[in-house]
């Protein structure tokens, strides 16, 4: 009962701190609840960090929107737009702030997040190792709380940019990941598929 009451108080505090952001973004009620759960799972024990996160998230979305615009002869740095997915932006910002080593893993392997979800649920053998000890348990709890927030291509969310080549070439991100992962069969298949398209 005491733990449940404390969890409710934390969620109420997080909801209050995120209210201006949620209203400004026009988040539907379900998205508001999901954001509150994610932030509570990641930062709930540190009220000052919750306030900092709300401010940082707002700034991050402003930066993303600026990079999505086509201004003064410069092509957008992010295309297609990602600012319409604020929960994904929030999730990755939380991972970057709270688990920077794991965020670095995701930079090198954007598909690693799906593997991490499976690992957090108790499945194993997916090639992504979660941190050990309390930090690992904390990350696992966060991944379970944020399981419904996902996107097919994490790359623009991780780097807050996307090159013209990445936008234009079909299968580009799959090709890069296969090369980095030394998946020869996948690379050959993608090249064969590209030859057929020409």
Protein backbone atom coordinates (compact mmCIF):
# COMPACT_ATOMS: atom_id res chain seq x y z
CA UNK A 1 0.00 0.00 0.00
CA UNK A 2 2.76 2.50 0.84
CA UNK A 3 4.64 1.76 -2.41
CA UNK A 4 1.43 2.10 -4.43
CA UNK A 5 0.64 5.42 -2.76
CA UNK A 6 4.18 6.67 -3.48
CA UNK A 7 3.92 5.58 -7.13
CA UNK A 8 0.63 7.48 -7.43
CA UNK A 9 2.21 10.60 -5.92
CA UNK A 10 5.13 10.37 -8.35
CA UNK A 11 2.77 10.01 -11.31
CA UNK A 12 0.71 12.99 -10.13
CA UNK A 13 3.86 15.10 -9.82
CA UNK A 14 5.09 14.01 -13.27
CA UNK A 15 1.65 14.75 -14.76
CA UNK A 16 1.71 18.25 -13.27
CA UNK A 17 5.23 18.95 -14.59
CA UNK A 18 4.38 17.65 -18.08
CA UNK A 19 0.97 19.32 -18.34
CA UNK A 20 2.16 22.44 -20.18
CA UNK A 21 4.17 20.34 -22.64
CA UNK A 22 1.31 17.87 -23.21
CA UNK A 23 -1.19 20.70 -23.75
CA UNK A 24 1.16 22.62 -26.03
CA UNK A 25 1.73 19.52 -28.18
CA UNK A 26 -1.99 18.68 -28.17
CA UNK A 27 -1.29 15.15 -26.95
CA UNK A 28 -4.34 12.89 -26.79
CA UNK A 29 -5.17 11.47 -23.35
CA UNK A 30 -3.67 8.04 -24.15
CA UNK A 31 -0.38 9.65 -25.22
CA UNK A 32 -0.37 11.82 -22.09
CA UNK A 33 -0.75 8.73 -19.92
CA UNK A 34 2.01 6.91 -21.81
CA UNK A 35 4.35 9.90 -21.47
CA UNK A 36 3.65 10.09 -17.73
CA UNK A 37 4.36 6.36 -17.34
CA UNK A 38 7.62 6.60 -19.30
CA UNK A 39 8.90 9.63 -17.40
CA UNK A 40 7.80 8.16 -14.06
CA UNK A 41 9.62 4.90 -14.86
CA UNK A 42 12.81 6.71 -15.89
CA UNK A 43 12.95 9.73 -13.57
CA UNK A 44 10.25 9.30 -10.94
CA UNK A 45 12.62 9.17 -8.01
CA UNK A 46 14.19 12.52 -8.91
CA UNK A 47 11.65 15.40 -9.12
CA UNK A 48 14.27 17.97 -10.24
CA UNK A 49 15.18 15.75 -13.21
CA UNK A 50 11.49 15.58 -14.22
CA UNK A 51 11.33 19.37 -14.52
CA UNK A 52 14.64 19.48 -16.44
CA UNK A 53 13.42 16.74 -18.77
CA UNK A 54 10.19 18.61 -19.57
CA UNK A 55 12.22 21.68 -20.55
CA UNK A 56 14.77 19.64 -22.53
CA UNK A 57 12.04 17.78 -24.41
CA UNK A 58 10.44 21.03 -25.48
CA UNK A 59 13.81 22.36 -26.71
CA UNK A 60 14.58 19.09 -28.51
CA UNK A 61 11.29 19.24 -30.40
CA UNK A 62 11.98 22.86 -31.39
CA UNK A 63 15.34 21.78 -32.79
CA UNK A 64 13.73 18.92 -34.69
CA UNK A 65 11.09 21.22 -36.19
CA UNK A 66 13.80 23.68 -37.26
CA UNK A 67 15.70 20.84 -38.96
CA UNK A 68 12.54 19.72 -40.75
CA UNK A 69 12.06 23.09 -42.45
CA UNK A 70 13.30 23.93 -45.93
CA UNK A 71 14.82 27.39 -45.48
CA UNK A 72 16.89 29.73 -47.64
CA UNK A 73 17.90 27.16 -50.22
CA UNK A 74 18.94 24.57 -47.64
CA UNK A 75 17.26 21.20 -47.77
CA UNK A 76 15.64 19.94 -44.59
CA UNK A 77 18.01 17.94 -42.40
CA UNK A 78 15.20 15.61 -41.37
CA UNK A 79 12.81 14.26 -43.94
CA UNK A 80 10.21 12.91 -43.61
CA UNK A 81 9.27 14.84 -40.46
CA UNK A 82 9.56 13.14 -37.08
CA UNK A 83 8.20 15.91 -34.84
CA UNK A 84 4.76 14.32 -35.12
CA UNK A 85 6.08 11.47 -32.94
CA UNK A 86 6.85 13.28 -29.65
CA UNK A 87 6.60 10.08 -27.59
CA UNK A 88 9.40 8.46 -29.59
CA UNK A 89 11.48 11.63 -29.20
CA UNK A 90 10.77 11.57 -25.44
CA UNK A 91 11.64 7.90 -25.11
CA UNK A 92 15.00 8.26 -26.81
CA UNK A 93 15.78 11.46 -24.90
CA UNK A 94 15.15 9.58 -21.66
CA UNK A 95 17.41 6.73 -22.77
CA UNK A 96 20.13 9.18 -23.80
CA UNK A 97 19.96 11.02 -20.45
CA UNK A 98 19.58 8.06 -18.10
CA UNK A 99 21.43 5.27 -19.91
CA UNK A 100 24.01 6.94 -22.20
CA UNK A 101 25.97 3.72 -22.75
CA UNK A 102 22.85 1.97 -23.99
CA UNK A 103 22.06 4.99 -26.20
CA UNK A 104 25.52 4.59 -27.76
CA UNK A 105 24.67 0.95 -28.51
CA UNK A 106 21.52 2.13 -30.28
CA UNK A 107 23.50 4.64 -32.37
CA UNK A 108 25.50 1.73 -33.75
CA UNK A 109 22.55 -0.63 -33.96
CA UNK A 110 19.17 1.12 -34.28
CA UNK A 111 17.42 -2.25 -34.37
CA UNK A 112 18.87 -3.01 -30.96
CA UNK A 113 15.91 -1.35 -29.25
CA UNK A 114 13.56 -4.13 -30.36
CA UNK A 115 16.06 -6.71 -29.09
CA UNK A 116 16.26 -4.83 -25.80
CA UNK A 117 12.45 -4.98 -25.42
CA UNK A 118 12.61 -8.73 -25.83
CA UNK A 119 15.46 -8.97 -23.32
CA UNK A 120 13.49 -6.80 -20.85
CA UNK A 121 10.60 -9.26 -21.15
CA UNK A 122 12.92 -12.12 -20.26
CA UNK A 123 13.71 -13.41 -23.75
CA UNK A 124 17.40 -13.87 -24.42
CA UNK A 125 19.84 -14.37 -27.23
CA UNK A 126 19.02 -11.23 -29.19
CA UNK A 127 22.52 -9.75 -29.30
CA UNK A 128 21.86 -6.71 -27.08
CA UNK A 129 23.14 -6.76 -23.54
CA UNK A 130 21.37 -4.62 -21.00
CA UNK A 131 23.34 -3.07 -18.14
CA UNK A 132 23.73 -5.23 -15.05
CA UNK A 133 22.56 -4.50 -11.51
CA UNK A 134 20.18 -1.72 -10.48
CA UNK A 135 20.80 0.33 -13.65
CA UNK A 136 19.87 -2.67 -15.77
CA UNK A 137 16.75 -3.35 -13.73
CA UNK A 138 15.80 0.31 -14.02
CA UNK A 139 16.27 0.22 -17.82
CA UNK A 140 14.26 -3.00 -18.08
CA UNK A 141 11.39 -1.41 -16.12
CA UNK A 142 11.53 1.64 -18.39
CA UNK A 143 11.51 -0.51 -21.55
CA UNK A 144 8.47 -2.39 -20.31
CA UNK A 145 6.71 0.89 -19.44
CA UNK A 146 7.50 2.32 -22.89
CA UNK A 147 6.91 -0.85 -24.91
CA UNK A 148 3.99 0.67 -26.85
CA UNK A 149 6.15 3.55 -28.13
CA UNK A 150 8.07 2.45 -31.19
CA UNK A 151 8.86 3.36 -34.79
CA UNK A 152 10.24 1.38 -37.73
CA UNK A 153 13.25 3.61 -38.46
CA UNK A 154 14.98 4.97 -35.35
CA UNK A 155 17.91 6.53 -37.21
CA UNK A 156 16.50 10.09 -37.61
CA UNK A 157 15.31 10.04 -33.98
CA UNK A 158 18.73 8.97 -32.74
CA UNK A 159 20.78 11.40 -34.80
CA UNK A 160 18.18 14.17 -35.22
CA UNK A 161 19.07 14.29 -38.90
CA UNK A 162 18.71 12.22 -42.03
CA UNK A 163 20.74 12.67 -45.20
CA UNK A 164 19.34 13.03 -48.70
CA UNK A 165 20.81 9.63 -49.54
CA UNK A 166 19.01 7.98 -46.63
CA UNK A 167 15.76 9.52 -47.80
CA UNK A 168 16.16 8.77 -51.51
CA UNK A 169 17.58 5.25 -51.57
CA UNK A 170 15.15 2.46 -50.72
CA UNK A 171 16.60 0.03 -48.20
CA UNK A 172 19.49 2.36 -47.29
CA UNK A 173 19.23 1.93 -43.51
CA UNK A 174 18.89 -1.86 -43.83
CA UNK A 175 21.99 -1.91 -46.06
CA UNK A 176 24.07 0.16 -43.61
CA UNK A 177 23.03 -2.00 -40.68
CA UNK A 178 23.81 -5.20 -42.60
CA UNK A 179 27.29 -3.89 -43.52
CA UNK A 180 27.99 -2.80 -39.94
CA UNK A 181 26.75 -6.14 -38.64
CA UNK A 182 28.84 -8.01 -41.22
CA UNK A 183 25.74 -9.80 -42.47
CA UNK A 184 27.13 -10.83 -45.84
CA UNK A 185 24.02 -12.72 -47.00
CA UNK A 186 21.77 -9.74 -46.22
CA UNK A 187 24.14 -7.32 -47.99
CA UNK A 188 24.22 -9.53 -51.09
CA UNK A 189 20.44 -9.87 -51.09
CA UNK A 190 19.94 -6.10 -50.79
CA UNK A 191 22.41 -5.51 -53.65
CA UNK A 192 20.66 -8.13 -55.80
CA UNK A 193 17.31 -6.49 -55.07
CA UNK A 194 18.76 -3.07 -56.00
CA UNK A 195 20.11 -4.47 -59.31
CA UNK A 196 16.63 -5.79 -60.15
CA UNK A 197 15.15 -2.33 -59.56
CA UNK A 198 17.57 -0.68 -62.02
